[in-house]
Every structure is written in C-alpha cells, then in structure tokens.
Amino acid sequence: MNKADTAFILAASGLVLLMTPGLALFYGGMVRRKNVLGTIMQSLILISIISMEWVYIGYSMSFGPDVGGFVGDLSWFALATVTDEPSPDYASTTPQTVFMIFQCMFAIITPALITGAFAERVRFAPFLIFTILWSVLVYNPVCHWVWGKGGWFAGLGLLDFAGGLVVHATCGVAALAGVLVLGNRRGYGRTSFMPQNHGYESWRG
C-alpha cells in the first residue's frame, strides 16, 4: 500500500468529479433561458443516479470476474468482497475501494457528455431511463472490454489513452445517434434559439 499513490488517486477522483458540474454550466450556457435549469440538472442528477448504479452493479460488470471476455459477472454486487486491500489486477498500491471511486467518476461524466445532444430535445424522465439503460448496456460492457481483466479488447493489446474509446467514443456515438433519431429541436428554423449567455447579451447591449 502506497499512501502517496492513494492520495494522488483520491485527488484525481475529486478533479474528475468537478468536470460534471462544470459540464452542466457549459451546456446550460448554450441553451435558451427557459431550458437552463433542466439542462444543468441533467448533468447534476447523474452524480447520484450513476453512483448508485455503479456501486450496485456497474463496478462488478466493468471490473468483476470475466465472463467470456464480454462483461464482468455480478459477484461483486453492491461491492461484495471489494475491500480496502489492494487489487493485484487493477490497483496494486492503493485500496481497491479507491480505484472503484476513481472509476465511478468516469462512469458519471461519460453519460453526462451525452446530455449536450439531449438539450431542448428530451424530457427529464425519459432522459433518466435512457441514461440508466445506456450505462448498464453500453458503458459497463465496453469498460470491461477495454479496462477489465479478461476483456477481449484488452486481450488484443489495446491501449485506451485518456478514455478515448471507453469515454469519448461511446458517448460521441450515442450523442450522434440521439440527434439523428430525435431530429431538430421543436421550432428550429422558425424561432430564435439564442443561448442564455449574459456576456453575449451585454455585448449586444
């Protein structure tokens, strides 16, 4: 166990967590005034929703004992057997619980990135249902393929720098599919979609 490594991973986890409210403010500034709160909440609610999903099944599906190179089994359901002892497969110098927290932050920010495609297009309840299903059916298996012990991409020697595949490719494809299926925002081309941006409004002054 290395205290410096543990402190560094915890600090990094906090920084990744801050990305989600930062993203909420970024997306909130790109929509009309009436949709600012809803757009911000789409990102912020994921901190709690995905954290619960990750604790109960997400971490086990992503990093649990391998099933055919496709997904982890549910033997770590609700973090069963996940302790403060180091994991030789994932975190040999830090507690496995710290590694779990670090990975949870990426599980949160990834679906939050998709919300930019849903802004002013999707109601809140369908958004929550989609996000949970997407995390379970897409993010967790892909995470296991690439980062999990026994994952088939990992077995091919794939190196996923900075989550380029697990995070950015998956959410990018999901966002593209979302806008293609949902189409233009209601009223597009007929009403003004000027974003809520105080700096821009002051400049127009």
N, C-alpha and C. Protein backbone atom coordinates (compact mmCIF):
# COMPACT_ATOMS: atom_id res chain seq x y z
N MET A 1 0.84 -1.19 0.00
CA MET A 1 0.00 0.00 0.00
C MET A 1 0.88 1.25 0.00
N ASN A 2 0.60 2.16 -0.90
CA ASN A 2 1.40 3.37 -1.02
C ASN A 2 0.51 4.58 -0.71
N LYS A 3 0.83 5.30 0.34
CA LYS A 3 -0.01 6.43 0.74
C LYS A 3 -0.01 7.54 -0.30
N ALA A 4 1.13 7.77 -0.95
CA ALA A 4 1.21 8.83 -1.95
C ALA A 4 0.33 8.49 -3.16
N ASP A 5 0.38 7.23 -3.59
CA ASP A 5 -0.46 6.80 -4.70
C ASP A 5 -1.95 6.95 -4.35
N THR A 6 -2.29 6.56 -3.13
CA THR A 6 -3.68 6.64 -2.69
C THR A 6 -4.16 8.09 -2.66
N ALA A 7 -3.33 8.99 -2.13
CA ALA A 7 -3.71 10.41 -2.07
C ALA A 7 -3.84 10.99 -3.47
N PHE A 8 -2.94 10.59 -4.37
CA PHE A 8 -3.00 11.10 -5.73
C PHE A 8 -4.28 10.66 -6.45
N ILE A 9 -4.65 9.39 -6.32
CA ILE A 9 -5.85 8.87 -6.97
C ILE A 9 -7.10 9.53 -6.39
N LEU A 10 -7.11 9.75 -5.09
CA LEU A 10 -8.27 10.44 -4.47
C LEU A 10 -8.38 11.87 -4.98
N ALA A 11 -7.24 12.56 -5.08
CA ALA A 11 -7.25 13.93 -5.60
C ALA A 11 -7.71 13.94 -7.06
N ALA A 12 -7.22 12.98 -7.84
CA ALA A 12 -7.64 12.89 -9.24
C ALA A 12 -9.13 12.59 -9.35
N SER A 13 -9.64 11.78 -8.44
CA SER A 13 -11.08 11.48 -8.43
C SER A 13 -11.89 12.74 -8.19
N GLY A 14 -11.43 13.57 -7.26
CA GLY A 14 -12.13 14.82 -7.00
C GLY A 14 -12.12 15.75 -8.20
N LEU A 15 -11.01 15.79 -8.91
CA LEU A 15 -10.92 16.65 -10.09
C LEU A 15 -11.84 16.17 -11.21
N VAL A 16 -11.91 14.85 -11.39
CA VAL A 16 -12.80 14.31 -12.42
C VAL A 16 -14.25 14.58 -12.04
N LEU A 17 -14.56 14.46 -10.76
CA LEU A 17 -15.92 14.75 -10.31
C LEU A 17 -16.32 16.19 -10.63
N LEU A 18 -15.39 17.12 -10.48
CA LEU A 18 -15.69 18.52 -10.76
C LEU A 18 -16.00 18.76 -12.24
N MET A 19 -15.60 17.85 -13.09
CA MET A 19 -15.89 18.02 -14.51
C MET A 19 -17.39 17.99 -14.78
N THR A 20 -18.14 17.23 -14.01
CA THR A 20 -19.58 17.09 -14.28
C THR A 20 -20.34 18.38 -13.99
N PRO A 21 -20.21 19.02 -12.82
CA PRO A 21 -20.87 20.33 -12.67
C PRO A 21 -20.32 21.37 -13.62
N GLY A 22 -19.04 21.28 -13.98
CA GLY A 22 -18.51 22.19 -14.98
C GLY A 22 -19.18 22.01 -16.32
N LEU A 23 -19.41 20.75 -16.68
CA LEU A 23 -20.11 20.45 -17.92
C LEU A 23 -21.55 20.94 -17.86
N ALA A 24 -22.17 20.83 -16.69
CA ALA A 24 -23.54 21.30 -16.53
C ALA A 24 -23.63 22.80 -16.81
N LEU A 25 -22.69 23.56 -16.30
CA LEU A 25 -22.69 25.01 -16.54
C LEU A 25 -22.39 25.33 -18.00
N PHE A 26 -21.50 24.55 -18.60
CA PHE A 26 -21.17 24.77 -20.01
C PHE A 26 -22.39 24.55 -20.91
N TYR A 27 -23.05 23.41 -20.72
CA TYR A 27 -24.24 23.13 -21.52
C TYR A 27 -25.38 24.10 -21.19
N GLY A 28 -25.48 24.48 -19.91
CA GLY A 28 -26.53 25.41 -19.51
C GLY A 28 -26.40 26.76 -20.19
N GLY A 29 -25.18 27.14 -20.53
CA GLY A 29 -24.96 28.41 -21.20
C GLY A 29 -25.21 28.36 -22.69
N MET A 30 -25.52 27.17 -23.20
CA MET A 30 -25.72 27.02 -24.64
C MET A 30 -27.18 26.84 -25.03
N VAL A 31 -28.07 26.90 -24.06
CA VAL A 31 -29.49 26.72 -24.35
C VAL A 31 -30.26 27.99 -24.01
N ARG A 32 -31.52 28.03 -24.41
CA ARG A 32 -32.34 29.19 -24.12
C ARG A 32 -32.64 29.30 -22.63
N ARG A 33 -33.02 30.51 -22.22
CA ARG A 33 -33.21 30.79 -20.80
C ARG A 33 -34.16 29.79 -20.13
N LYS A 34 -35.25 29.43 -20.81
CA LYS A 34 -36.26 28.56 -20.19
C LYS A 34 -35.75 27.13 -19.96
N ASN A 35 -34.66 26.76 -20.64
CA ASN A 35 -34.16 25.39 -20.52
C ASN A 35 -32.86 25.28 -19.73
N VAL A 36 -32.40 26.38 -19.16
CA VAL A 36 -31.12 26.36 -18.44
C VAL A 36 -31.16 25.40 -17.25
N LEU A 37 -32.17 25.53 -16.41
CA LEU A 37 -32.24 24.70 -15.20
C LEU A 37 -32.33 23.22 -15.55
N GLY A 38 -33.20 22.88 -16.51
CA GLY A 38 -33.35 21.48 -16.89
C GLY A 38 -32.07 20.90 -17.45
N THR A 39 -31.36 21.69 -18.25
CA THR A 39 -30.11 21.21 -18.84
C THR A 39 -29.05 21.01 -17.77
N ILE A 40 -28.96 21.93 -16.83
CA ILE A 40 -27.99 21.77 -15.73
C ILE A 40 -28.32 20.54 -14.89
N MET A 41 -29.60 20.34 -14.61
CA MET A 41 -30.00 19.20 -13.78
C MET A 41 -29.73 17.87 -14.47
N GLN A 42 -29.76 17.84 -15.80
CA GLN A 42 -29.47 16.59 -16.49
C GLN A 42 -28.07 16.08 -16.15
N SER A 43 -27.14 16.98 -16.00
CA SER A 43 -25.78 16.57 -15.62
C SER A 43 -25.67 16.29 -14.13
N LEU A 44 -26.22 17.18 -13.31
CA LEU A 44 -26.04 17.04 -11.86
C LEU A 44 -26.72 15.80 -11.30
N ILE A 45 -27.90 15.43 -11.85
CA ILE A 45 -28.60 14.26 -11.31
C ILE A 45 -27.82 12.98 -11.53
N LEU A 46 -26.95 12.99 -12.55
CA LEU A 46 -26.19 11.77 -12.84
C LEU A 46 -25.18 11.46 -11.76
N ILE A 47 -24.76 12.47 -11.00
CA ILE A 47 -23.80 12.20 -9.92
C ILE A 47 -24.39 11.22 -8.93
N SER A 48 -25.67 11.36 -8.61
CA SER A 48 -26.30 10.45 -7.66
C SER A 48 -26.79 9.17 -8.34
N ILE A 49 -27.44 9.30 -9.50
CA ILE A 49 -28.02 8.13 -10.16
C ILE A 49 -26.95 7.13 -10.58
N ILE A 50 -25.90 7.61 -11.24
CA ILE A 50 -24.86 6.70 -11.72
C ILE A 50 -24.01 6.18 -10.57
N SER A 51 -23.83 6.97 -9.53
CA SER A 51 -23.10 6.47 -8.36
C SER A 51 -23.78 5.24 -7.78
N MET A 52 -25.10 5.28 -7.67
CA MET A 52 -25.84 4.13 -7.13
C MET A 52 -25.75 2.95 -8.08
N GLU A 53 -25.91 3.22 -9.38
CA GLU A 53 -25.80 2.14 -10.36
C GLU A 53 -24.41 1.51 -10.31
N TRP A 54 -23.39 2.34 -10.17
CA TRP A 54 -22.01 1.85 -10.15
C TRP A 54 -21.74 0.99 -8.92
N VAL A 55 -22.21 1.42 -7.78
CA VAL A 55 -21.99 0.67 -6.54
C VAL A 55 -22.66 -0.70 -6.60
N TYR A 56 -23.89 -0.73 -7.09
CA TYR A 56 -24.64 -1.99 -7.06
C TYR A 56 -24.23 -2.96 -8.18
N ILE A 57 -24.16 -2.50 -9.42
CA ILE A 57 -23.85 -3.44 -10.50
C ILE A 57 -22.76 -2.96 -11.45
N GLY A 58 -22.59 -1.64 -11.58
CA GLY A 58 -21.68 -1.11 -12.58
C GLY A 58 -20.24 -1.55 -12.38
N TYR A 59 -19.74 -1.44 -11.17
CA TYR A 59 -18.35 -1.80 -10.92
C TYR A 59 -18.12 -3.29 -11.14
N SER A 60 -19.08 -4.09 -10.72
CA SER A 60 -18.95 -5.54 -10.90
C SER A 60 -19.00 -5.92 -12.37
N MET A 61 -19.90 -5.28 -13.15
CA MET A 61 -19.98 -5.56 -14.58
C MET A 61 -18.72 -5.11 -15.32
N SER A 62 -18.12 -4.03 -14.85
CA SER A 62 -16.97 -3.47 -15.54
C SER A 62 -15.66 -4.13 -15.16
N PHE A 63 -15.49 -4.41 -13.88
CA PHE A 63 -14.19 -4.91 -13.40
C PHE A 63 -14.27 -6.22 -12.64
N GLY A 64 -15.46 -6.79 -12.54
CA GLY A 64 -15.61 -8.06 -11.84
C GLY A 64 -15.04 -9.22 -12.63
N PRO A 65 -15.09 -10.43 -12.06
CA PRO A 65 -14.59 -11.63 -12.74
C PRO A 65 -15.19 -11.77 -14.14
N ASP A 66 -14.33 -12.04 -15.10
CA ASP A 66 -14.70 -12.02 -16.52
C ASP A 66 -15.67 -13.13 -16.90
N VAL A 67 -16.58 -12.77 -17.81
CA VAL A 67 -17.50 -13.75 -18.41
C VAL A 67 -17.32 -13.69 -19.91
N GLY A 68 -16.54 -14.59 -20.46
CA GLY A 68 -16.36 -14.70 -21.89
C GLY A 68 -15.71 -13.51 -22.56
N GLY A 69 -14.99 -12.69 -21.82
CA GLY A 69 -14.36 -11.51 -22.39
C GLY A 69 -15.31 -10.38 -22.68
N PHE A 70 -16.60 -10.57 -22.34
CA PHE A 70 -17.61 -9.59 -22.69
C PHE A 70 -18.00 -8.67 -21.54
N VAL A 71 -18.15 -9.23 -20.35
CA VAL A 71 -18.61 -8.43 -19.21
C VAL A 71 -18.19 -9.13 -17.92
N GLY A 72 -18.14 -8.35 -16.85
CA GLY A 72 -17.87 -8.95 -15.55
C GLY A 72 -19.14 -9.52 -14.95
N ASP A 73 -18.99 -10.56 -14.13
CA ASP A 73 -20.19 -11.13 -13.51
C ASP A 73 -20.64 -10.24 -12.35
N LEU A 74 -21.69 -10.63 -11.67
CA LEU A 74 -22.24 -9.82 -10.59
C LEU A 74 -21.82 -10.33 -9.20
N SER A 75 -20.67 -11.00 -9.15
CA SER A 75 -20.22 -11.50 -7.85
C SER A 75 -19.78 -10.36 -6.93
N TRP A 76 -19.55 -9.17 -7.49
CA TRP A 76 -19.22 -8.01 -6.67
C TRP A 76 -20.43 -7.10 -6.49
N PHE A 77 -21.63 -7.65 -6.60
CA PHE A 77 -22.86 -6.88 -6.45
C PHE A 77 -22.84 -6.11 -5.13
N ALA A 78 -23.16 -4.82 -5.21
CA ALA A 78 -23.16 -3.94 -4.03
C ALA A 78 -21.80 -3.94 -3.34
N LEU A 79 -20.74 -4.09 -4.14
CA LEU A 79 -19.35 -4.06 -3.66
C LEU A 79 -19.01 -5.21 -2.73
N ALA A 80 -19.71 -6.33 -2.89
CA ALA A 80 -19.38 -7.52 -2.10
C ALA A 80 -17.95 -7.93 -2.41
N THR A 81 -17.19 -8.21 -1.37
CA THR A 81 -15.78 -8.63 -1.41
C THR A 81 -14.84 -7.51 -1.87
N VAL A 82 -15.36 -6.34 -2.20
CA VAL A 82 -14.49 -5.21 -2.55
C VAL A 82 -14.06 -4.54 -1.25
N THR A 83 -12.78 -4.58 -0.95
CA THR A 83 -12.28 -4.13 0.35
C THR A 83 -11.23 -3.04 0.17
N ASP A 84 -10.66 -2.65 1.28
CA ASP A 84 -9.58 -1.66 1.27
C ASP A 84 -8.23 -2.28 0.94
N GLU A 85 -8.22 -3.57 0.67
CA GLU A 85 -6.97 -4.23 0.30
C GLU A 85 -6.66 -3.94 -1.18
N PRO A 86 -5.39 -3.84 -1.54
CA PRO A 86 -5.04 -3.61 -2.95
C PRO A 86 -5.49 -4.76 -3.84
N SER A 87 -5.79 -4.43 -5.08
CA SER A 87 -6.16 -5.45 -6.06
C SER A 87 -4.98 -5.69 -6.99
N PRO A 88 -4.49 -6.91 -7.09
CA PRO A 88 -3.33 -7.16 -7.97
C PRO A 88 -3.63 -6.91 -9.44
N ASP A 89 -4.90 -6.96 -9.82
CA ASP A 89 -5.26 -6.78 -11.22
C ASP A 89 -5.43 -5.32 -11.61
N TYR A 90 -5.84 -4.46 -10.66
CA TYR A 90 -6.18 -3.09 -11.01
C TYR A 90 -5.45 -2.03 -10.21
N ALA A 91 -5.29 -2.25 -8.94
CA ALA A 91 -4.71 -1.22 -8.08
C ALA A 91 -3.80 -1.88 -7.06
N SER A 92 -2.58 -2.13 -7.48
CA SER A 92 -1.68 -2.92 -6.64
C SER A 92 -1.06 -2.12 -5.50
N THR A 93 -1.16 -0.79 -5.55
CA THR A 93 -0.56 0.03 -4.48
C THR A 93 -1.58 0.90 -3.76
N THR A 94 -2.85 0.79 -4.12
CA THR A 94 -3.91 1.58 -3.46
C THR A 94 -5.05 0.65 -3.08
N PRO A 95 -5.90 1.06 -2.15
CA PRO A 95 -7.08 0.25 -1.82
C PRO A 95 -7.98 0.08 -3.05
N GLN A 96 -8.59 -1.08 -3.18
CA GLN A 96 -9.48 -1.29 -4.32
C GLN A 96 -10.68 -0.35 -4.25
N THR A 97 -11.10 0.02 -3.05
CA THR A 97 -12.22 0.96 -2.92
C THR A 97 -11.87 2.32 -3.52
N VAL A 98 -10.62 2.72 -3.41
CA VAL A 98 -10.18 3.99 -4.00
C VAL A 98 -10.21 3.87 -5.53
N PHE A 99 -9.76 2.75 -6.06
CA PHE A 99 -9.84 2.52 -7.51
C PHE A 99 -11.28 2.54 -7.98
N MET A 100 -12.17 1.95 -7.18
CA MET A 100 -13.59 1.93 -7.52
C MET A 100 -14.16 3.35 -7.58
N ILE A 101 -13.79 4.20 -6.64
CA ILE A 101 -14.26 5.58 -6.63
C ILE A 101 -13.73 6.34 -7.85
N PHE A 102 -12.46 6.14 -8.16
CA PHE A 102 -11.87 6.81 -9.32
C PHE A 102 -12.61 6.43 -10.60
N GLN A 103 -12.88 5.16 -10.79
CA GLN A 103 -13.59 4.71 -11.98
C GLN A 103 -15.04 5.18 -11.99
N CYS A 104 -15.63 5.33 -10.82
CA CYS A 104 -17.01 5.82 -10.73
C CYS A 104 -17.12 7.23 -11.32
N MET A 105 -16.11 8.05 -11.13
CA MET A 105 -16.15 9.41 -11.66
C MET A 105 -16.23 9.42 -13.18
N PHE A 106 -15.57 8.47 -13.83
CA PHE A 106 -15.66 8.37 -15.29
C PHE A 106 -17.00 7.80 -15.73
N ALA A 107 -17.55 6.90 -14.92
CA ALA A 107 -18.87 6.37 -15.23
C ALA A 107 -19.93 7.47 -15.16
N ILE A 108 -19.69 8.50 -14.36
CA ILE A 108 -20.62 9.63 -14.24
C ILE A 108 -20.45 10.60 -15.40
N ILE A 109 -19.23 11.00 -15.69
CA ILE A 109 -19.00 12.04 -16.70
C ILE A 109 -19.34 11.54 -18.10
N THR A 110 -19.23 10.25 -18.36
CA THR A 110 -19.46 9.75 -19.72
C THR A 110 -20.90 9.97 -20.19
N PRO A 111 -21.92 9.51 -19.45
CA PRO A 111 -23.29 9.82 -19.91
C PRO A 111 -23.63 11.29 -19.80
N ALA A 112 -22.95 12.01 -18.90
CA ALA A 112 -23.20 13.46 -18.80
C ALA A 112 -22.79 14.17 -20.09
N LEU A 113 -21.77 13.66 -20.76
CA LEU A 113 -21.34 14.26 -22.02
C LEU A 113 -22.43 14.14 -23.10
N ILE A 114 -23.25 13.10 -23.00
CA ILE A 114 -24.30 12.90 -24.00
C ILE A 114 -25.40 13.95 -23.87
N THR A 115 -25.55 14.55 -22.69
CA THR A 115 -26.67 15.45 -22.46
C THR A 115 -26.65 16.66 -23.39
N GLY A 116 -25.50 16.99 -23.97
CA GLY A 116 -25.47 18.08 -24.92
C GLY A 116 -26.34 17.81 -26.13
N ALA A 117 -26.47 16.54 -26.51
CA ALA A 117 -27.32 16.17 -27.63
C ALA A 117 -28.80 16.15 -27.25
N PHE A 118 -29.07 16.01 -25.95
CA PHE A 118 -30.45 15.94 -25.49
C PHE A 118 -31.01 17.31 -25.11
N ALA A 119 -30.16 18.32 -25.03
CA ALA A 119 -30.60 19.64 -24.59
C ALA A 119 -31.73 20.14 -25.47
N GLU A 120 -32.83 20.51 -24.85
CA GLU A 120 -34.02 21.04 -25.52
C GLU A 120 -34.68 20.02 -26.45
N ARG A 121 -34.35 18.74 -26.27
CA ARG A 121 -34.94 17.71 -27.12
C ARG A 121 -35.68 16.64 -26.32
N VAL A 122 -35.24 16.34 -25.11
CA VAL A 122 -35.75 15.20 -24.36
C VAL A 122 -36.26 15.64 -22.99
N ARG A 123 -37.39 15.09 -22.59
CA ARG A 123 -37.91 15.38 -21.26
C ARG A 123 -37.08 14.66 -20.20
N PHE A 124 -37.23 15.10 -18.96
CA PHE A 124 -36.34 14.65 -17.88
C PHE A 124 -36.49 13.15 -17.58
N ALA A 125 -37.73 12.66 -17.46
CA ALA A 125 -37.94 11.25 -17.10
C ALA A 125 -37.40 10.29 -18.17
N PRO A 126 -37.72 10.49 -19.46
CA PRO A 126 -37.12 9.62 -20.48
C PRO A 126 -35.59 9.70 -20.51
N PHE A 127 -35.07 10.88 -20.21
CA PHE A 127 -33.61 11.04 -20.16
C PHE A 127 -33.01 10.13 -19.08
N LEU A 128 -33.62 10.10 -17.90
CA LEU A 128 -33.11 9.26 -16.81
C LEU A 128 -33.17 7.78 -17.18
N ILE A 129 -34.27 7.36 -17.79
CA ILE A 129 -34.41 5.95 -18.18
C ILE A 129 -33.35 5.58 -19.20
N PHE A 130 -33.17 6.44 -20.21
CA PHE A 130 -32.16 6.17 -21.23
C PHE A 130 -30.77 6.07 -20.60
N THR A 131 -30.45 7.01 -19.72
CA THR A 131 -29.11 7.06 -19.14
C THR A 131 -28.79 5.80 -18.35
N ILE A 132 -29.74 5.34 -17.56
CA ILE A 132 -29.50 4.13 -16.77
C ILE A 132 -29.32 2.92 -17.68
N LEU A 133 -30.20 2.79 -18.68
CA LEU A 133 -30.09 1.66 -19.61
C LEU A 133 -28.78 1.74 -20.40
N TRP A 134 -28.41 2.93 -20.83
CA TRP A 134 -27.17 3.09 -21.60
C TRP A 134 -25.95 2.72 -20.76
N SER A 135 -25.95 3.13 -19.52
CA SER A 135 -24.82 2.82 -18.64
C SER A 135 -24.68 1.32 -18.44
N VAL A 136 -25.81 0.65 -18.25
CA VAL A 136 -25.79 -0.79 -18.00
C VAL A 136 -25.46 -1.58 -19.26
N LEU A 137 -26.07 -1.20 -20.38
CA LEU A 137 -25.96 -2.00 -21.60
C LEU A 137 -24.81 -1.61 -22.51
N VAL A 138 -24.29 -0.38 -22.36
CA VAL A 138 -23.21 0.07 -23.24
C VAL A 138 -21.93 0.36 -22.45
N TYR A 139 -22.00 1.30 -21.52
CA TYR A 139 -20.76 1.73 -20.85
C TYR A 139 -20.10 0.58 -20.09
N ASN A 140 -20.86 -0.11 -19.26
CA ASN A 140 -20.25 -1.16 -18.43
C ASN A 140 -19.59 -2.26 -19.26
N PRO A 141 -20.26 -2.81 -20.28
CA PRO A 141 -19.58 -3.83 -21.09
C PRO A 141 -18.35 -3.30 -21.82
N VAL A 142 -18.46 -2.11 -22.43
CA VAL A 142 -17.30 -1.57 -23.14
C VAL A 142 -16.14 -1.30 -22.19
N CYS A 143 -16.46 -0.82 -21.01
CA CYS A 143 -15.43 -0.60 -19.98
C CYS A 143 -14.72 -1.92 -19.67
N HIS A 144 -15.48 -3.00 -19.56
CA HIS A 144 -14.86 -4.29 -19.28
C HIS A 144 -14.03 -4.77 -20.47
N TRP A 145 -14.51 -4.55 -21.69
CA TRP A 145 -13.75 -4.96 -22.87
C TRP A 145 -12.35 -4.38 -22.87
N VAL A 146 -12.25 -3.11 -22.47
CA VAL A 146 -11.00 -2.37 -22.63
C VAL A 146 -10.17 -2.36 -21.36
N TRP A 147 -10.81 -2.08 -20.22
CA TRP A 147 -10.07 -1.91 -18.97
C TRP A 147 -10.16 -3.10 -18.03
N GLY A 148 -11.14 -3.97 -18.23
CA GLY A 148 -11.36 -5.08 -17.30
C GLY A 148 -10.40 -6.23 -17.52
N LYS A 149 -10.12 -6.94 -16.47
CA LYS A 149 -9.27 -8.13 -16.54
C LYS A 149 -9.98 -9.21 -17.35
N GLY A 150 -9.41 -9.60 -18.49
CA GLY A 150 -10.02 -10.61 -19.33
C GLY A 150 -10.86 -10.05 -20.46
N GLY A 151 -11.02 -8.73 -20.52
CA GLY A 151 -11.79 -8.12 -21.60
C GLY A 151 -11.18 -8.40 -22.95
N TRP A 152 -12.01 -8.59 -24.00
CA TRP A 152 -11.48 -9.05 -25.28
C TRP A 152 -10.63 -8.00 -25.98
N PHE A 153 -10.94 -6.72 -25.82
CA PHE A 153 -10.08 -5.69 -26.37
C PHE A 153 -8.74 -5.65 -25.64
N ALA A 154 -8.80 -5.79 -24.32
CA ALA A 154 -7.57 -5.81 -23.54
C ALA A 154 -6.70 -6.99 -23.96
N GLY A 155 -7.35 -8.11 -24.29
CA GLY A 155 -6.60 -9.28 -24.73
C GLY A 155 -5.91 -9.08 -26.06
N LEU A 156 -6.41 -8.14 -26.87
CA LEU A 156 -5.78 -7.83 -28.15
C LEU A 156 -4.63 -6.84 -28.00
N GLY A 157 -4.42 -6.37 -26.78
CA GLY A 157 -3.33 -5.42 -26.53
C GLY A 157 -3.73 -3.97 -26.72
N LEU A 158 -5.02 -3.67 -26.77
CA LEU A 158 -5.48 -2.30 -26.95
C LEU A 158 -5.08 -1.43 -25.77
N LEU A 159 -4.55 -0.25 -26.07
CA LEU A 159 -4.24 0.73 -25.04
C LEU A 159 -5.16 1.94 -25.24
N ASP A 160 -6.00 2.20 -24.26
CA ASP A 160 -7.00 3.26 -24.37
C ASP A 160 -6.52 4.47 -23.59
N PHE A 161 -5.82 5.37 -24.27
CA PHE A 161 -5.26 6.53 -23.59
C PHE A 161 -6.37 7.55 -23.26
N ALA A 162 -6.43 7.95 -22.00
CA ALA A 162 -7.35 9.00 -21.54
C ALA A 162 -8.81 8.68 -21.85
N GLY A 163 -9.16 7.41 -21.93
CA GLY A 163 -10.55 7.05 -22.15
C GLY A 163 -11.06 7.39 -23.53
N GLY A 164 -10.18 7.42 -24.52
CA GLY A 164 -10.60 7.79 -25.85
C GLY A 164 -11.68 6.88 -26.42
N LEU A 165 -11.65 5.60 -26.07
CA LEU A 165 -12.67 4.67 -26.55
C LEU A 165 -13.80 4.52 -25.52
N VAL A 166 -13.43 4.19 -24.30
CA VAL A 166 -14.44 3.90 -23.28
C VAL A 166 -15.32 5.11 -22.99
N VAL A 167 -14.73 6.28 -22.94
CA VAL A 167 -15.49 7.50 -22.62
C VAL A 167 -15.93 8.23 -23.88
N HIS A 168 -14.99 8.72 -24.64
CA HIS A 168 -15.32 9.68 -25.70
C HIS A 168 -15.99 9.02 -26.92
N ALA A 169 -15.51 7.87 -27.34
CA ALA A 169 -16.12 7.22 -28.50
C ALA A 169 -17.54 6.76 -28.19
N THR A 170 -17.74 6.15 -27.03
CA THR A 170 -19.07 5.65 -26.69
C THR A 170 -20.09 6.77 -26.56
N CYS A 171 -19.73 7.83 -25.85
CA CYS A 171 -20.70 8.93 -25.68
C CYS A 171 -20.87 9.71 -26.98
N GLY A 172 -19.83 9.80 -27.79
CA GLY A 172 -19.95 10.50 -29.06
C GLY A 172 -20.89 9.79 -30.01
N VAL A 173 -20.77 8.48 -30.10
CA VAL A 173 -21.67 7.70 -30.96
C VAL A 173 -23.10 7.78 -30.44
N ALA A 174 -23.26 7.70 -29.12
CA ALA A 174 -24.60 7.79 -28.53
C ALA A 174 -25.24 9.16 -28.80
N ALA A 175 -24.44 10.23 -28.69
CA ALA A 175 -24.96 11.57 -28.96
C ALA A 175 -25.36 11.72 -30.42
N LEU A 176 -24.53 11.21 -31.33
CA LEU A 176 -24.84 11.29 -32.75
C LEU A 176 -26.12 10.51 -33.06
N ALA A 177 -26.23 9.30 -32.53
CA ALA A 177 -27.44 8.51 -32.74
C ALA A 177 -28.66 9.22 -32.17
N GLY A 178 -28.47 9.88 -31.02
CA GLY A 178 -29.59 10.59 -30.39
C GLY A 178 -30.13 11.71 -31.26
N VAL A 179 -29.24 12.54 -31.79
CA VAL A 179 -29.72 13.67 -32.60
C VAL A 179 -30.29 13.19 -33.93
N LEU A 180 -29.77 12.08 -34.47
CA LEU A 180 -30.33 11.56 -35.72
C LEU A 180 -31.74 11.01 -35.51
N VAL A 181 -31.96 10.37 -34.37
CA VAL A 181 -33.28 9.80 -34.08
C VAL A 181 -34.27 10.89 -33.68
N LEU A 182 -33.83 11.81 -32.82
CA LEU A 182 -34.73 12.84 -32.30
C LEU A 182 -34.99 13.95 -33.30
N GLY A 183 -34.03 14.23 -34.14
CA GLY A 183 -34.19 15.29 -35.13
C GLY A 183 -33.98 16.67 -34.54
N ASN A 184 -34.36 17.69 -35.30
CA ASN A 184 -34.17 19.08 -34.86
C ASN A 184 -35.01 19.39 -33.65
N ARG A 185 -34.57 20.37 -32.88
CA ARG A 185 -35.36 20.85 -31.77
C ARG A 185 -36.66 21.47 -32.27
N ARG A 186 -37.70 21.34 -31.49
CA ARG A 186 -39.01 21.85 -31.88
C ARG A 186 -38.93 23.36 -32.14
N GLY A 187 -39.39 23.76 -33.28
CA GLY A 187 -39.37 25.18 -33.64
C GLY A 187 -38.10 25.62 -34.33
N TYR A 188 -37.20 24.68 -34.58
CA TYR A 188 -35.93 25.03 -35.23
C TYR A 188 -36.19 25.61 -36.62
N GLY A 189 -35.58 26.76 -36.91
CA GLY A 189 -35.76 27.42 -38.18
C GLY A 189 -36.91 28.40 -38.22
N ARG A 190 -37.75 28.35 -37.15
CA ARG A 190 -38.90 29.25 -37.09
C ARG A 190 -38.83 30.21 -35.91
N THR A 191 -38.13 29.81 -34.84
CA THR A 191 -37.99 30.67 -33.67
C THR A 191 -36.52 30.85 -33.34
N SER A 192 -36.21 31.85 -32.53
CA SER A 192 -34.83 32.14 -32.15
C SER A 192 -34.34 31.13 -31.12
N PHE A 193 -33.15 30.62 -31.34
CA PHE A 193 -32.53 29.71 -30.40
C PHE A 193 -31.28 30.34 -29.78
N MET A 194 -31.33 31.65 -29.59
CA MET A 194 -30.19 32.35 -29.00
C MET A 194 -29.94 31.82 -27.59
N PRO A 195 -28.74 31.39 -27.29
CA PRO A 195 -28.47 30.81 -25.96
C PRO A 195 -28.51 31.83 -24.85
N GLN A 196 -28.73 31.32 -23.65
CA GLN A 196 -28.70 32.15 -22.45
C GLN A 196 -27.23 32.43 -22.14
N ASN A 197 -26.78 33.62 -22.49
CA ASN A 197 -25.38 33.98 -22.32
C ASN A 197 -25.31 35.45 -21.98
N HIS A 198 -25.08 35.76 -20.72
CA HIS A 198 -25.10 37.15 -20.27
C HIS A 198 -24.01 37.97 -20.94
N GLY A 199 -22.87 37.33 -21.22
CA GLY A 199 -21.80 38.06 -21.87
C GLY A 199 -22.21 38.52 -23.25
N TYR A 200 -22.88 37.62 -23.98
CA TYR A 200 -23.32 37.97 -25.34
C TYR A 200 -24.38 39.06 -25.29
N GLU A 201 -25.33 38.95 -24.31
CA GLU A 201 -26.38 39.95 -24.22
C GLU A 201 -25.80 41.32 -23.84
N SER A 202 -24.78 41.32 -22.99
CA SER A 202 -24.14 42.59 -22.62
C SER A 202 -23.42 43.20 -23.80
N TRP A 203 -22.80 42.37 -24.63
CA TRP A 203 -22.10 42.86 -25.80
C TRP A 203 -23.07 43.50 -26.78
N ARG A 204 -24.25 42.86 -26.94
CA ARG A 204 -25.25 43.40 -27.84
C ARG A 204 -25.75 44.76 -27.33
N GLY A 205 -25.87 44.80 -25.96
CA GLY A 205 -26.23 45.94 -25.18
C GLY A 205 -26.98 47.02 -25.74
